[in-house]
Amino acid sequence: MRTGKENALDGKLAKTVKDFALSGRAERALEMLLDDEELQAAQEYANTVSIIRLGYNDHGPVHMRTVALNALIMLGLLRKANIQTSLEKDNCGDFEDSAMAVICASMLHDLGMGIGRQDHERSGVYLALPILNRLLAAVYKGNTRKQAMVRALTLEGIIGHMGTHAVHSLEAGVVQVADGCDMTKGRARIPLALANPTKGGHIHQYSANSIEGVDIDAGREKPICINVRMSNASGIFQVEEVLMKKIADSTAKPFLELYARVKDETPLQYL
C-alpha cells in the first residue's frame, strides 16, 4: 500500500506534466510508471536495502518521485527560458520526448540500490531495462526510432545520476541535479531512528537532517534558482559534498543559481 507522501507526490507529478500541455504521451508514461507493480516493488526493496541493511538514507518510492518532480520543475523552467533540450537541439525529438526520458530516468534511477550501494547507478540500468522497454513499447507503438532514442537517453540519466559517469545531454544533467536536490531532513529520519547508538548516525543522515527545505524556482540571472534552507551549519556538508559534486560536471550547470542559508543568516552563494 502506498504512503500518503507517495500519493501526494503522485498528484503533484500528474499536475506538473499536465501543465506542460503536451500531447498526452508523457502523461500516459507517468501513469504507467506510477501504476506499475514491479516498479513499486523494486523501489520498496531498494529502500529496504538502503535503510535497513546499509543504514543509508531514503532511496525508495518517495525519493524517486521527489527526484522526478524536481527534474520536471527544472525542465519546465528551462522551457520557459527558451532553452532547448538536447533532443530538440539535435533534431531528434521534441520537448515531450525529453520529458519522457526525464520522468523515466528519475523514477528508475535508484533501483540498483536493491543490489547494493557500490556501482548502483550501473546495476540500476539492468534492473530498469525490462520495465523501461515495456513502457516505451506501449507509448511509442511501432516507432522503434523514438523507442531507441528515449531508451538511450533514459539510461544515460540513470547511469549518470551520481556524477561518476560523464553525461552529455541536458536531460541527464537535469536528472543528476534533481537527485542532488532531494536532501531534506525527511530522507534521514528513519535511518537516524535505526542508527546503532554505539556507532551514531552516518554523516549523510545528520547533514540531511539539518536541511529544512530545497526550493526550485526561476532565477534572477539564470533560468533556475536552487535555494537550500538549513537549520544549522552541518547542512553545508550535504550542499558541498553531495549537491555541488553533482552539479560540478552537469550539463545543467550553466543554467543554475545556487544559494544556501542557515535560518535568517546571509545566504551563501555557490553559483
Protein backbone atom coordinates (compact mmCIF):
# COMPACT_ATOMS: atom_id res chain seq x y z
CA MET A 1 0.00 0.00 0.00
CA ARG A 2 1.30 3.44 -0.91
CA THR A 3 2.00 6.02 1.76
CA GLY A 4 0.31 9.39 2.00
CA LYS A 5 3.56 11.03 0.92
CA GLU A 6 3.70 8.90 -2.21
CA ASN A 7 0.08 9.72 -3.08
CA ALA A 8 0.71 13.45 -2.57
CA LEU A 9 3.74 13.33 -4.86
CA ASP A 10 1.76 11.38 -7.46
CA GLY A 11 -0.74 14.23 -7.57
CA LYS A 12 1.97 16.87 -7.90
CA LEU A 13 3.70 14.92 -10.67
CA ALA A 14 0.47 14.50 -12.60
CA LYS A 15 -0.34 18.21 -12.32
CA THR A 16 3.16 19.27 -13.38
CA VAL A 17 3.08 17.10 -16.50
CA LYS A 18 -0.48 18.17 -17.34
CA ASP A 19 0.52 21.84 -17.05
CA PHE A 20 3.08 21.30 -19.81
CA ALA A 21 0.04 20.95 -22.16
CA LEU A 22 1.63 18.23 -24.26
CA SER A 23 0.10 15.56 -26.50
CA GLY A 24 -0.54 13.08 -23.70
CA ARG A 25 2.39 10.70 -24.21
CA ALA A 26 4.23 11.93 -21.13
CA GLU A 27 1.05 11.82 -19.04
CA ARG A 28 0.45 8.23 -20.12
CA ALA A 29 4.04 7.25 -19.35
CA LEU A 30 3.79 8.78 -15.88
CA GLU A 31 0.51 6.96 -15.20
CA MET A 32 2.04 3.66 -16.29
CA LEU A 33 5.09 4.14 -14.08
CA LEU A 34 3.01 5.08 -11.05
CA ASP A 35 0.74 2.06 -11.56
CA ASP A 36 3.50 -0.46 -12.32
CA GLU A 37 3.52 -3.12 -9.59
CA GLU A 38 7.00 -4.38 -10.50
CA LEU A 39 8.45 -0.88 -10.29
CA GLN A 40 6.75 -0.19 -6.95
CA ALA A 41 8.10 -3.46 -5.54
CA ALA A 42 11.61 -2.73 -6.86
CA GLN A 43 11.56 0.79 -5.38
CA GLU A 44 10.40 -0.50 -2.00
CA TYR A 45 13.08 -3.20 -1.92
CA ALA A 46 15.77 -0.69 -2.89
CA ASN A 47 14.66 1.35 0.12
CA THR A 48 14.76 -1.67 2.42
CA VAL A 49 18.34 -2.42 1.41
CA SER A 50 19.35 1.23 1.67
CA ILE A 51 17.84 1.97 5.08
CA ILE A 52 17.73 -1.30 6.99
CA ARG A 53 20.64 -3.26 5.57
CA LEU A 54 23.06 -0.43 4.80
CA GLY A 55 21.93 2.25 7.27
CA TYR A 56 21.76 4.82 4.50
CA ASN A 57 19.03 7.34 3.73
CA ASP A 58 15.83 7.08 1.66
CA HIS A 59 16.33 5.69 -1.85
CA GLY A 60 12.83 4.36 -2.40
CA PRO A 61 9.43 5.35 -3.84
CA VAL A 62 9.28 8.77 -2.16
CA HIS A 63 12.83 9.68 -3.16
CA MET A 64 12.40 8.64 -6.80
CA ARG A 65 9.11 10.54 -7.05
CA THR A 66 10.73 13.61 -5.48
CA VAL A 67 13.59 13.47 -7.98
CA ALA A 68 11.07 13.20 -10.82
CA LEU A 69 9.19 16.26 -9.53
CA ASN A 70 12.43 18.25 -9.10
CA ALA A 71 13.55 17.33 -12.61
CA LEU A 72 10.24 18.25 -14.20
CA ILE A 73 10.18 21.62 -12.43
CA MET A 74 13.67 22.35 -13.75
CA LEU A 75 12.76 21.16 -17.23
CA GLY A 76 9.73 23.47 -17.21
CA LEU A 77 11.86 26.46 -16.13
CA LEU A 78 14.32 25.76 -18.93
CA ARG A 79 11.44 25.61 -21.39
CA LYS A 80 10.10 28.98 -20.19
CA ALA A 81 13.58 30.43 -20.73
CA ASN A 82 13.58 29.06 -24.32
CA ILE A 83 16.44 26.68 -23.58
CA GLN A 84 16.21 23.69 -25.88
CA THR A 85 16.68 20.17 -24.60
CA SER A 86 19.34 18.02 -26.25
CA LEU A 87 16.75 16.06 -28.23
CA GLU A 88 15.30 19.33 -29.54
CA LYS A 89 18.70 20.83 -30.31
CA ASP A 90 19.84 17.72 -32.16
CA ASN A 91 16.55 17.50 -34.10
CA CYS A 92 15.98 14.02 -32.69
CA GLY A 93 12.76 14.65 -30.80
CA ASP A 94 10.54 17.23 -29.15
CA PHE A 95 10.16 18.54 -25.61
CA GLU A 96 7.72 15.79 -24.73
CA ASP A 97 10.25 13.12 -25.69
CA SER A 98 12.74 14.81 -23.38
CA ALA A 99 10.15 14.95 -20.60
CA MET A 100 9.52 11.22 -21.14
CA ALA A 101 13.21 10.41 -20.68
CA VAL A 102 13.49 12.63 -17.60
CA ILE A 103 10.41 11.05 -15.98
CA CYS A 104 11.62 7.52 -16.70
CA ALA A 105 15.19 8.13 -15.56
CA SER A 106 14.03 9.80 -12.35
CA MET A 107 11.54 7.08 -11.47
CA LEU A 108 14.03 4.27 -12.18
CA HIS A 109 17.39 5.77 -11.24
CA ASP A 110 17.95 4.14 -7.83
CA LEU A 111 16.69 0.62 -8.49
CA GLY A 112 20.30 -0.56 -8.26
CA MET A 113 20.25 0.14 -4.53
CA GLY A 114 18.36 -3.14 -4.29
CA ILE A 115 21.68 -4.83 -5.11
CA GLY A 116 23.92 -2.54 -3.08
CA ARG A 117 25.45 0.92 -2.92
CA GLN A 118 28.60 0.22 -4.93
CA ASP A 119 28.07 0.96 -8.64
CA HIS A 120 24.31 1.08 -8.07
CA GLU A 121 23.96 3.51 -10.96
CA ARG A 122 25.40 0.81 -13.25
CA SER A 123 23.44 -2.14 -11.83
CA GLY A 124 20.32 0.00 -11.90
CA VAL A 125 20.47 0.08 -15.69
CA TYR A 126 19.95 -3.69 -15.84
CA LEU A 127 17.08 -3.66 -13.36
CA ALA A 128 15.37 -0.73 -15.10
CA LEU A 129 15.63 -2.06 -18.66
CA PRO A 130 12.72 -4.57 -18.63
CA ILE A 131 10.36 -2.01 -17.12
CA LEU A 132 11.55 0.70 -19.50
CA ASN A 133 11.23 -1.50 -22.59
CA ARG A 134 7.68 -2.46 -21.62
CA LEU A 135 6.70 1.18 -21.13
CA LEU A 136 8.30 2.55 -24.31
CA ALA A 137 6.76 -0.17 -26.46
CA ALA A 138 3.32 0.81 -25.17
CA VAL A 139 3.78 4.58 -25.51
CA TYR A 140 5.68 4.65 -28.81
CA LYS A 141 3.78 1.86 -30.58
CA GLY A 142 5.61 0.94 -33.80
CA ASN A 143 8.01 3.86 -33.55
CA THR A 144 11.24 1.98 -32.94
CA ARG A 145 13.33 5.09 -33.63
CA LYS A 146 11.74 7.01 -30.76
CA GLN A 147 11.90 3.98 -28.50
CA ALA A 148 15.64 3.63 -29.15
CA MET A 149 16.41 7.30 -28.54
CA VAL A 150 14.33 7.73 -25.39
CA ARG A 151 15.69 4.45 -24.03
CA ALA A 152 19.29 5.57 -24.51
CA LEU A 153 18.58 8.98 -23.01
CA THR A 154 16.83 7.43 -20.01
CA LEU A 155 19.73 5.05 -19.37
CA GLU A 156 22.16 7.97 -19.59
CA GLY A 157 20.15 9.68 -16.85
CA ILE A 158 20.28 6.57 -14.68
CA ILE A 159 23.97 5.81 -15.06
CA GLY A 160 24.92 9.48 -14.77
CA HIS A 161 22.88 10.47 -11.72
CA MET A 162 25.77 10.07 -9.25
CA GLY A 163 28.19 12.22 -11.25
CA THR A 164 30.59 9.28 -11.56
CA HIS A 165 29.86 8.85 -15.27
CA ALA A 166 30.03 11.83 -17.62
CA VAL A 167 26.69 12.88 -19.12
CA HIS A 168 26.36 14.78 -22.37
CA SER A 169 22.64 15.54 -22.66
CA LEU A 170 20.85 18.34 -20.86
CA GLU A 171 18.14 15.87 -19.86
CA ALA A 172 20.58 13.61 -17.99
CA GLY A 173 22.22 16.64 -16.39
CA VAL A 174 18.84 17.78 -15.07
CA VAL A 175 18.21 14.35 -13.50
CA GLN A 176 21.67 14.49 -11.90
CA VAL A 177 20.96 17.83 -10.23
CA ALA A 178 17.38 16.87 -9.34
CA ASP A 179 18.72 13.86 -7.46
CA GLY A 180 21.17 16.03 -5.51
CA CYS A 181 18.35 18.41 -4.56
CA ASP A 182 16.49 15.73 -2.60
CA MET A 183 18.36 16.14 0.67
CA THR A 184 15.76 17.37 3.14
CA LYS A 185 15.58 16.03 6.69
CA GLY A 186 12.79 13.61 5.80
CA ARG A 187 15.29 11.43 3.95
CA ALA A 188 17.32 10.93 7.17
CA ARG A 189 14.54 10.46 9.71
CA ILE A 190 14.21 6.66 9.51
CA PRO A 191 17.96 5.90 9.31
CA LEU A 192 18.61 8.13 12.32
CA ALA A 193 15.94 6.31 14.30
CA LEU A 194 17.51 2.97 13.41
CA ALA A 195 21.13 4.05 13.94
CA ASN A 196 23.22 1.97 16.31
CA PRO A 197 23.67 4.16 19.42
CA THR A 198 27.26 2.97 19.80
CA LYS A 199 28.15 4.00 16.27
CA GLY A 200 25.97 7.03 15.83
CA GLY A 201 24.40 8.04 12.53
CA HIS A 202 26.08 8.46 9.20
CA ILE A 203 27.28 11.99 8.33
CA HIS A 204 24.84 11.98 5.39
CA GLN A 205 22.00 11.31 7.85
CA TYR A 206 22.89 14.13 10.25
CA SER A 207 23.64 16.55 7.45
CA ALA A 208 20.40 15.77 5.65
CA ASN A 209 18.52 16.15 8.94
CA SER A 210 19.58 19.81 9.09
CA ILE A 211 18.14 20.60 5.64
CA GLU A 212 14.75 22.23 6.17
CA GLY A 213 13.87 22.50 2.51
CA VAL A 214 15.06 22.93 -1.06
CA ASP A 215 13.18 25.39 -3.25
CA ILE A 216 13.47 25.35 -7.04
CA ASP A 217 12.25 28.50 -8.77
CA ALA A 218 13.12 30.82 -11.62
CA GLY A 219 16.44 32.57 -11.10
CA ARG A 220 17.25 36.25 -11.41
CA GLU A 221 20.03 35.90 -13.95
CA LYS A 222 19.70 32.24 -14.93
CA PRO A 223 16.65 30.07 -15.67
CA ILE A 224 16.82 28.01 -12.45
CA CYS A 225 17.48 29.06 -8.85
CA ILE A 226 18.00 26.45 -6.13
CA ASN A 227 17.61 27.69 -2.54
CA VAL A 228 18.70 25.35 0.27
CA ARG A 229 17.26 26.19 3.71
CA MET A 230 19.16 24.80 6.73
CA SER A 231 18.53 24.68 10.47
CA ASN A 232 22.26 24.53 11.24
CA ALA A 233 25.62 24.60 9.51
CA SER A 234 26.01 20.81 9.29
CA GLY A 235 23.85 21.03 6.19
CA ILE A 236 26.82 22.57 4.40
CA PHE A 237 28.24 19.04 4.08
CA GLN A 238 25.18 17.99 2.11
CA VAL A 239 25.40 21.05 -0.14
CA GLU A 240 29.12 20.89 -0.82
CA GLU A 241 29.77 17.14 -0.77
CA VAL A 242 26.58 15.94 -2.45
CA LEU A 243 24.77 18.63 -4.42
CA MET A 244 27.79 20.61 -5.62
CA LYS A 245 29.61 17.47 -6.72
CA LYS A 246 26.62 16.50 -8.83
CA ILE A 247 26.34 19.99 -10.27
CA ALA A 248 30.07 20.30 -10.99
CA ASP A 249 30.06 18.32 -14.24
CA SER A 250 26.36 18.53 -15.01
CA THR A 251 25.25 19.83 -18.38
CA ALA A 252 22.63 21.85 -16.48
CA LYS A 253 25.22 23.83 -14.51
CA PRO A 254 25.30 26.87 -16.86
CA PHE A 255 21.60 27.41 -16.19
CA LEU A 256 21.70 27.28 -12.38
CA GLU A 257 21.93 29.65 -9.45
CA LEU A 258 22.56 28.03 -6.05
CA TYR A 259 22.14 29.53 -2.57
CA ALA A 260 22.29 28.00 0.91
CA ARG A 261 21.16 29.73 4.10
CA VAL A 262 21.09 28.89 7.83
CA LYS A 263 17.83 30.36 9.13
CA ASP A 264 17.98 34.18 8.91
CA GLU A 265 21.69 34.44 8.15
CA THR A 266 23.05 35.89 4.93
CA PRO A 267 22.78 33.22 2.21
CA LEU A 268 25.91 31.67 0.78
CA GLN A 269 26.02 31.89 -2.99
CA TYR A 270 27.66 28.93 -4.71
CA LEU A 271 26.64 29.63 -8.33
